Amino acid sequence: MENREKKVMEIKDLSSSPTVQNYPDAKKHQFVSFIKSGIRIFGYILLPFNVLAGASVLVVSEVIGIIEELV
């Protein structure tokens, strides 16, 4: 019985502590998203002319996509 009371007290302590949640900056996320989309469009335009260059630009846009999720 003592163990159960201890667990209940731990739960009460956790529920009363304030939690801080950091929200992503929507403006920065949108800005990076627009940059990524522009680079991606440029990469697709390059593909018919130079496959290696187009693919490289698309890889860069994917890296920027990862950065976008971290902003």
PDB file of N, CA and C in Angstrom:
ATOM      1  N   MET A   1       0.833  -1.195   0.000  1.00  0.00           N
ATOM      2  CA  MET A   1       0.000   0.000   0.000  1.00  0.00           C
ATOM      3  C   MET A   1       0.874   1.254   0.000  1.00  0.00           C
ATOM      4  N   GLU A   2       1.974   1.202   0.689  1.00  0.00           N
ATOM      5  CA  GLU A   2       2.870   2.355   0.783  1.00  0.00           C
ATOM      6  C   GLU A   2       3.454   2.700  -0.584  1.00  0.00           C
ATOM      7  N   ASN A   3       3.775   1.696  -1.371  1.00  0.00           N
ATOM      8  CA  ASN A   3       4.342   1.894  -2.702  1.00  0.00           C
ATOM      9  C   ASN A   3       3.338   2.608  -3.615  1.00  0.00           C
ATOM     10  N   ARG A   4       2.074   2.238  -3.488  1.00  0.00           N
ATOM     11  CA  ARG A   4       1.032   2.857  -4.321  1.00  0.00           C
ATOM     12  C   ARG A   4       0.883   4.331  -3.975  1.00  0.00           C
ATOM     13  N   GLU A   5       0.897   4.653  -2.694  1.00  0.00           N
ATOM     14  CA  GLU A   5       0.777   6.050  -2.261  1.00  0.00           C
ATOM     15  C   GLU A   5       1.971   6.874  -2.761  1.00  0.00           C
ATOM     16  N   LYS A   6       3.132   6.270  -2.762  1.00  0.00           N
ATOM     17  CA  LYS A   6       4.330   6.950  -3.247  1.00  0.00           C
ATOM     18  C   LYS A   6       4.188   7.283  -4.735  1.00  0.00           C
ATOM     19  N   LYS A   7       3.679   6.335  -5.507  1.00  0.00           N
ATOM     20  CA  LYS A   7       3.484   6.558  -6.941  1.00  0.00           C
ATOM     21  C   LYS A   7       2.444   7.650  -7.185  1.00  0.00           C
ATOM     22  N   VAL A   8       1.374   7.661  -6.402  1.00  0.00           N
ATOM     23  CA  VAL A   8       0.343   8.690  -6.547  1.00  0.00           C
ATOM     24  C   VAL A   8       0.936  10.064  -6.261  1.00  0.00           C
ATOM     25  N   MET A   9       1.770  10.173  -5.250  1.00  0.00           N
ATOM     26  CA  MET A   9       2.403  11.447  -4.913  1.00  0.00           C
ATOM     27  C   MET A   9       3.349  11.891  -6.030  1.00  0.00           C
ATOM     28  N   GLU A  10       4.066  10.947  -6.646  1.00  0.00           N
ATOM     29  CA  GLU A  10       4.958  11.290  -7.754  1.00  0.00           C
ATOM     30  C   GLU A  10       4.164  11.829  -8.938  1.00  0.00           C
ATOM     31  N   ILE A  11       3.023  11.227  -9.220  1.00  0.00           N
ATOM     32  CA  ILE A  11       2.175  11.680 -10.324  1.00  0.00           C
ATOM     33  C   ILE A  11       1.643  13.074 -10.029  1.00  0.00           C
ATOM     34  N   LYS A  12       1.230  13.314  -8.794  1.00  0.00           N
ATOM     35  CA  LYS A  12       0.734  14.640  -8.426  1.00  0.00           C
ATOM     36  C   LYS A  12       1.842  15.682  -8.570  1.00  0.00           C
ATOM     37  N   ASP A  13       3.061  15.347  -8.195  1.00  0.00           N
ATOM     38  CA  ASP A  13       4.174  16.277  -8.330  1.00  0.00           C
ATOM     39  C   ASP A  13       4.432  16.607  -9.800  1.00  0.00           C
ATOM     40  N   LEU A  14       4.348  15.611 -10.664  1.00  0.00           N
ATOM     41  CA  LEU A  14       4.585  15.841 -12.090  1.00  0.00           C
ATOM     42  C   LEU A  14       3.484  16.682 -12.714  1.00  0.00           C
ATOM     43  N   SER A  15       2.238  16.473 -12.289  1.00  0.00           N
ATOM     44  CA  SER A  15       1.131  17.205 -12.887  1.00  0.00           C
ATOM     45  C   SER A  15       1.096  18.658 -12.443  1.00  0.00           C
ATOM     46  N   SER A  16       1.671  18.988 -11.311  1.00  0.00           N
ATOM     47  CA  SER A  16       1.639  20.369 -10.835  1.00  0.00           C
ATOM     48  C   SER A  16       2.806  21.191 -11.356  1.00  0.00           C
ATOM     49  N   SER A  17       3.847  20.548 -11.869  1.00  0.00           N
ATOM     50  CA  SER A  17       4.989  21.305 -12.369  1.00  0.00           C
ATOM     51  C   SER A  17       4.667  21.887 -13.739  1.00  0.00           C
ATOM     52  N   PRO A  18       4.991  23.164 -13.938  1.00  0.00           N
ATOM     53  CA  PRO A  18       4.691  23.773 -15.246  1.00  0.00           C
ATOM     54  C   PRO A  18       5.620  23.220 -16.319  1.00  0.00           C
ATOM     55  N   THR A  19       5.057  23.014 -17.491  1.00  0.00           N
ATOM     56  CA  THR A  19       5.868  22.543 -18.598  1.00  0.00           C
ATOM     57  C   THR A  19       6.046  23.683 -19.588  1.00  0.00           C
ATOM     58  N   VAL A  20       7.249  23.832 -20.072  1.00  0.00           N
ATOM     59  CA  VAL A  20       7.557  24.868 -21.051  1.00  0.00           C
ATOM     60  C   VAL A  20       7.784  24.186 -22.383  1.00  0.00           C
ATOM     61  N   GLN A  21       7.070  24.658 -23.388  1.00  0.00           N
ATOM     62  CA  GLN A  21       7.213  24.078 -24.712  1.00  0.00           C
ATOM     63  C   GLN A  21       7.620  25.185 -25.673  1.00  0.00           C
ATOM     64  N   ASN A  22       8.714  24.957 -26.360  1.00  0.00           N
ATOM     65  CA  ASN A  22       9.173  25.927 -27.339  1.00  0.00           C
ATOM     66  C   ASN A  22       8.535  25.623 -28.684  1.00  0.00           C
ATOM     67  N   TYR A  23       7.853  26.615 -29.229  1.00  0.00           N
ATOM     68  CA  TYR A  23       7.228  26.455 -30.531  1.00  0.00           C
ATOM     69  C   TYR A  23       8.184  26.950 -31.614  1.00  0.00           C
ATOM     70  N   PRO A  24       8.145  26.325 -32.781  1.00  0.00           N
ATOM     71  CA  PRO A  24       9.023  26.787 -33.856  1.00  0.00           C
ATOM     72  C   PRO A  24       8.606  28.168 -34.344  1.00  0.00           C
ATOM     73  N   ASP A  25       9.576  28.908 -34.850  1.00  0.00           N
ATOM     74  CA  ASP A  25       9.314  30.235 -35.390  1.00  0.00           C
ATOM     75  C   ASP A  25       8.690  30.079 -36.779  1.00  0.00           C
ATOM     76  N   ALA A  26       7.436  30.436 -36.902  1.00  0.00           N
ATOM     77  CA  ALA A  26       6.699  30.222 -38.150  1.00  0.00           C
ATOM     78  C   ALA A  26       7.281  31.047 -39.292  1.00  0.00           C
ATOM     79  N   LYS A  27       7.727  32.250 -39.011  1.00  0.00           N
ATOM     80  CA  LYS A  27       8.279  33.114 -40.068  1.00  0.00           C
ATOM     81  C   LYS A  27       9.570  32.526 -40.626  1.00  0.00           C
ATOM     82  N   LYS A  28      10.461  32.069 -39.741  1.00  0.00           N
ATOM     83  CA  LYS A  28      11.716  31.466 -40.199  1.00  0.00           C
ATOM     84  C   LYS A  28      11.442  30.191 -40.983  1.00  0.00           C
ATOM     85  N   HIS A  29      10.509  29.384 -40.493  1.00  0.00           N
ATOM     86  CA  HIS A  29      10.157  28.132 -41.167  1.00  0.00           C
ATOM     87  C   HIS A  29       9.639  28.420 -42.579  1.00  0.00           C
ATOM     88  N   GLN A  30       8.782  29.427 -42.696  1.00  0.00           N
ATOM     89  CA  GLN A  30       8.221  29.782 -43.995  1.00  0.00           C
ATOM     90  C   GLN A  30       9.314  30.291 -44.927  1.00  0.00           C
ATOM     91  N   PHE A  31      10.202  31.125 -44.413  1.00  0.00           N
ATOM     92  CA  PHE A  31      11.288  31.672 -45.228  1.00  0.00           C
ATOM     93  C   PHE A  31      12.187  30.560 -45.767  1.00  0.00           C
ATOM     94  N   VAL A  32      12.602  29.652 -44.893  1.00  0.00           N
ATOM     95  CA  VAL A  32      13.458  28.540 -45.313  1.00  0.00           C
ATOM     96  C   VAL A  32      12.706  27.638 -46.288  1.00  0.00           C
ATOM     97  N   SER A  33      11.411  27.466 -46.085  1.00  0.00           N
ATOM     98  CA  SER A  33      10.606  26.653 -46.988  1.00  0.00           C
ATOM     99  C   SER A  33      10.565  27.259 -48.387  1.00  0.00           C
ATOM    100  N   PHE A  34      10.416  28.577 -48.476  1.00  0.00           N
ATOM    101  CA  PHE A  34      10.405  29.242 -49.783  1.00  0.00           C
ATOM    102  C   PHE A  34      11.757  29.108 -50.476  1.00  0.00           C
ATOM    103  N   ILE A  35      12.838  29.257 -49.722  1.00  0.00           N
ATOM    104  CA  ILE A  35      14.183  29.096 -50.281  1.00  0.00           C
ATOM    105  C   ILE A  35      14.340  27.672 -50.825  1.00  0.00           C
ATOM    106  N   LYS A  36      13.937  26.700 -50.019  1.00  0.00           N
ATOM    107  CA  LYS A  36      14.036  25.292 -50.426  1.00  0.00           C
ATOM    108  C   LYS A  36      13.238  25.031 -51.699  1.00  0.00           C
ATOM    109  N   SER A  37      12.027  25.577 -51.772  1.00  0.00           N
ATOM    110  CA  SER A  37      11.188  25.365 -52.955  1.00  0.00           C
ATOM    111  C   SER A  37      11.814  25.989 -54.189  1.00  0.00           C
ATOM    112  N   GLY A  38      12.385  27.179 -54.055  1.00  0.00           N
ATOM    113  CA  GLY A  38      13.048  27.826 -55.188  1.00  0.00           C
ATOM    114  C   GLY A  38      14.230  27.021 -55.687  1.00  0.00           C
ATOM    115  N   ILE A  39      15.021  26.507 -54.758  1.00  0.00           N
ATOM    116  CA  ILE A  39      16.178  25.681 -55.132  1.00  0.00           C
ATOM    117  C   ILE A  39      15.703  24.386 -55.790  1.00  0.00           C
ATOM    118  N   ARG A  40      14.640  23.810 -55.272  1.00  0.00           N
ATOM    119  CA  ARG A  40      14.104  22.564 -55.838  1.00  0.00           C
ATOM    120  C   ARG A  40      13.593  22.792 -57.270  1.00  0.00           C
ATOM    121  N   ILE A  41      12.876  23.901 -57.496  1.00  0.00           N
ATOM    122  CA  ILE A  41      12.393  24.217 -58.843  1.00  0.00           C
ATOM    123  C   ILE A  41      13.582  24.390 -59.795  1.00  0.00           C
ATOM    124  N   PHE A  42      14.613  25.098 -59.322  1.00  0.00           N
ATOM    125  CA  PHE A  42      15.816  25.286 -60.137  1.00  0.00           C
ATOM    126  C   PHE A  42      16.459  23.939 -60.473  1.00  0.00           C
ATOM    127  N   GLY A  43      16.491  23.029 -59.517  1.00  0.00           N
ATOM    128  CA  GLY A  43      17.053  21.706 -59.745  1.00  0.00           C
ATOM    129  C   GLY A  43      16.286  20.929 -60.803  1.00  0.00           C
ATOM    130  N   TYR A  44      14.949  21.014 -60.751  1.00  0.00           N
ATOM    131  CA  TYR A  44      14.141  20.317 -61.763  1.00  0.00           C
ATOM    132  C   TYR A  44      14.313  20.946 -63.146  1.00  0.00           C
ATOM    133  N   ILE A  45      14.501  22.256 -63.191  1.00  0.00           N
ATOM    134  CA  ILE A  45      14.745  22.913 -64.482  1.00  0.00           C
ATOM    135  C   ILE A  45      16.084  22.456 -65.059  1.00  0.00           C
ATOM    136  N   LEU A  46      17.078  22.249 -64.195  1.00  0.00           N
ATOM    137  CA  LEU A  46      18.404  21.826 -64.656  1.00  0.00           C
ATOM    138  C   LEU A  46      18.439  20.382 -65.168  1.00  0.00           C
ATOM    139  N   LEU A  47      17.584  19.532 -64.671  1.00  0.00           N
ATOM    140  CA  LEU A  47      17.650  18.098 -64.992  1.00  0.00           C
ATOM    141  C   LEU A  47      17.741  17.769 -66.490  1.00  0.00           C
ATOM    142  N   PRO A  48      16.924  18.367 -67.351  1.00  0.00           N
ATOM    143  CA  PRO A  48      17.033  17.988 -68.775  1.00  0.00           C
ATOM    144  C   PRO A  48      18.352  18.421 -69.430  1.00  0.00           C
ATOM    145  N   PHE A  49      18.997  19.417 -68.868  1.00  0.00           N
ATOM    146  CA  PHE A  49      20.217  19.949 -69.468  1.00  0.00           C
ATOM    147  C   PHE A  49      21.475  19.294 -68.909  1.00  0.00           C
ATOM    148  N   ASN A  50      21.475  19.038 -67.611  1.00  0.00           N
ATOM    149  CA  ASN A  50      22.645  18.440 -66.973  1.00  0.00           C
ATOM    150  C   ASN A  50      22.142  17.638 -65.759  1.00  0.00           C
ATOM    151  N   VAL A  51      22.071  16.339 -65.917  1.00  0.00           N
ATOM    152  CA  VAL A  51      21.494  15.477 -64.882  1.00  0.00           C
ATOM    153  C   VAL A  51      22.281  15.567 -63.580  1.00  0.00           C
ATOM    154  N   LEU A  52      23.599  15.566 -63.670  1.00  0.00           N
ATOM    155  CA  LEU A  52      24.421  15.612 -62.460  1.00  0.00           C
ATOM    156  C   LEU A  52      24.223  16.921 -61.687  1.00  0.00           C
ATOM    157  N   ALA A  53      24.214  18.037 -62.405  1.00  0.00           N
ATOM    158  CA  ALA A  53      24.009  19.332 -61.756  1.00  0.00           C
ATOM    159  C   ALA A  53      22.607  19.415 -61.153  1.00  0.00           C
ATOM    160  N   GLY A  54      21.608  18.965 -61.907  1.00  0.00           N
ATOM    161  CA  GLY A  54      20.233  18.995 -61.401  1.00  0.00           C
ATOM    162  C   GLY A  54      20.058  18.136 -60.168  1.00  0.00           C
ATOM    163  N   ALA A  55      20.627  16.933 -60.209  1.00  0.00           N
ATOM    164  CA  ALA A  55      20.531  16.040 -59.051  1.00  0.00           C
ATOM    165  C   ALA A  55      21.254  16.627 -57.848  1.00  0.00           C
ATOM    166  N   SER A  56      22.389  17.269 -58.090  1.00  0.00           N
ATOM    167  CA  SER A  56      23.141  17.886 -56.994  1.00  0.00           C
ATOM    168  C   SER A  56      22.339  19.007 -56.340  1.00  0.00           C
ATOM    169  N   VAL A  57      21.687  19.818 -57.159  1.00  0.00           N
ATOM    170  CA  VAL A  57      20.860  20.905 -56.624  1.00  0.00           C
ATOM    171  C   VAL A  57      19.685  20.328 -55.831  1.00  0.00           C
ATOM    172  N   LEU A  58      19.109  19.232 -56.306  1.00  0.00           N
ATOM    173  CA  LEU A  58      18.004  18.612 -55.578  1.00  0.00           C
ATOM    174  C   LEU A  58      18.464  18.034 -54.238  1.00  0.00           C
ATOM    175  N   VAL A  59      19.676  17.502 -54.194  1.00  0.00           N
ATOM    176  CA  VAL A  59      20.225  17.012 -52.920  1.00  0.00           C
ATOM    177  C   VAL A  59      20.407  18.179 -51.957  1.00  0.00           C
ATOM    178  N   VAL A  60      20.902  19.298 -52.466  1.00  0.00           N
ATOM    179  CA  VAL A  60      21.061  20.489 -51.615  1.00  0.00           C
ATOM    180  C   VAL A  60      19.704  20.930 -51.077  1.00  0.00           C
ATOM    181  N   SER A  61      18.669  20.869 -51.915  1.00  0.00           N
ATOM    182  CA  SER A  61      17.334  21.271 -51.443  1.00  0.00           C
ATOM    183  C   SER A  61      16.827  20.338 -50.348  1.00  0.00           C
ATOM    184  N   GLU A  62      17.208  19.079 -50.403  1.00  0.00           N
ATOM    185  CA  GLU A  62      16.803  18.139 -49.345  1.00  0.00           C
ATOM    186  C   GLU A  62      17.525  18.450 -48.035  1.00  0.00           C
ATOM    187  N   VAL A  63      18.776  18.824 -48.137  1.00  0.00           N
ATOM    188  CA  VAL A  63      19.524  19.228 -46.931  1.00  0.00           C
ATOM    189  C   VAL A  63      18.872  20.460 -46.318  1.00  0.00           C
ATOM    190  N   ILE A  64      18.473  21.399 -47.160  1.00  0.00           N
ATOM    191  CA  ILE A  64      17.778  22.581 -46.654  1.00  0.00           C
ATOM    192  C   ILE A  64      16.442  22.192 -46.037  1.00  0.00           C
ATOM    193  N   GLY A  65      15.789  21.164 -46.577  1.00  0.00           N
ATOM    194  CA  GLY A  65      14.548  20.654 -45.994  1.00  0.00           C
ATOM    195  C   GLY A  65      14.745  20.126 -44.578  1.00  0.00           C
ATOM    196  N   ILE A  66      15.886  19.496 -44.340  1.00  0.00           N
ATOM    197  CA  ILE A  66      16.203  19.033 -42.985  1.00  0.00           C
ATOM    198  C   ILE A  66      16.407  20.225 -42.065  1.00  0.00           C
ATOM    199  N   ILE A  67      17.127  21.221 -42.549  1.00  0.00           N
ATOM    200  CA  ILE A  67      17.343  22.450 -41.766  1.00  0.00           C
ATOM    201  C   ILE A  67      16.004  23.129 -41.485  1.00  0.00           C
ATOM    202  N   GLU A  68      15.112  23.097 -42.473  1.00  0.00           N
ATOM    203  CA  GLU A  68      13.784  23.703 -42.314  1.00  0.00           C
ATOM    204  C   GLU A  68      13.041  23.101 -41.123  1.00  0.00           C
ATOM    205  N   GLU A  69      13.155  21.808 -40.948  1.00  0.00           N
ATOM    206  CA  GLU A  69      12.456  21.148 -39.844  1.00  0.00           C
ATOM    207  C   GLU A  69      13.075  21.482 -38.497  1.00  0.00           C
ATOM    208  N   LEU A  70      14.301  21.929 -38.490  1.00  0.00           N
ATOM    209  CA  LEU A  70      14.981  22.269 -37.238  1.00  0.00           C
ATOM    210  C   LEU A  70      14.773  23.726 -36.837  1.00  0.00           C
ATOM    211  N   VAL A  71      14.266  24.545 -37.768  1.00  0.00           N
ATOM    212  CA  VAL A  71      14.052  25.983 -37.483  1.00  0.00           C
ATOM    213  C   VAL A  71      12.804  26.139 -36.655  1.00  0.00           C
TER     214      VAL A  71
END
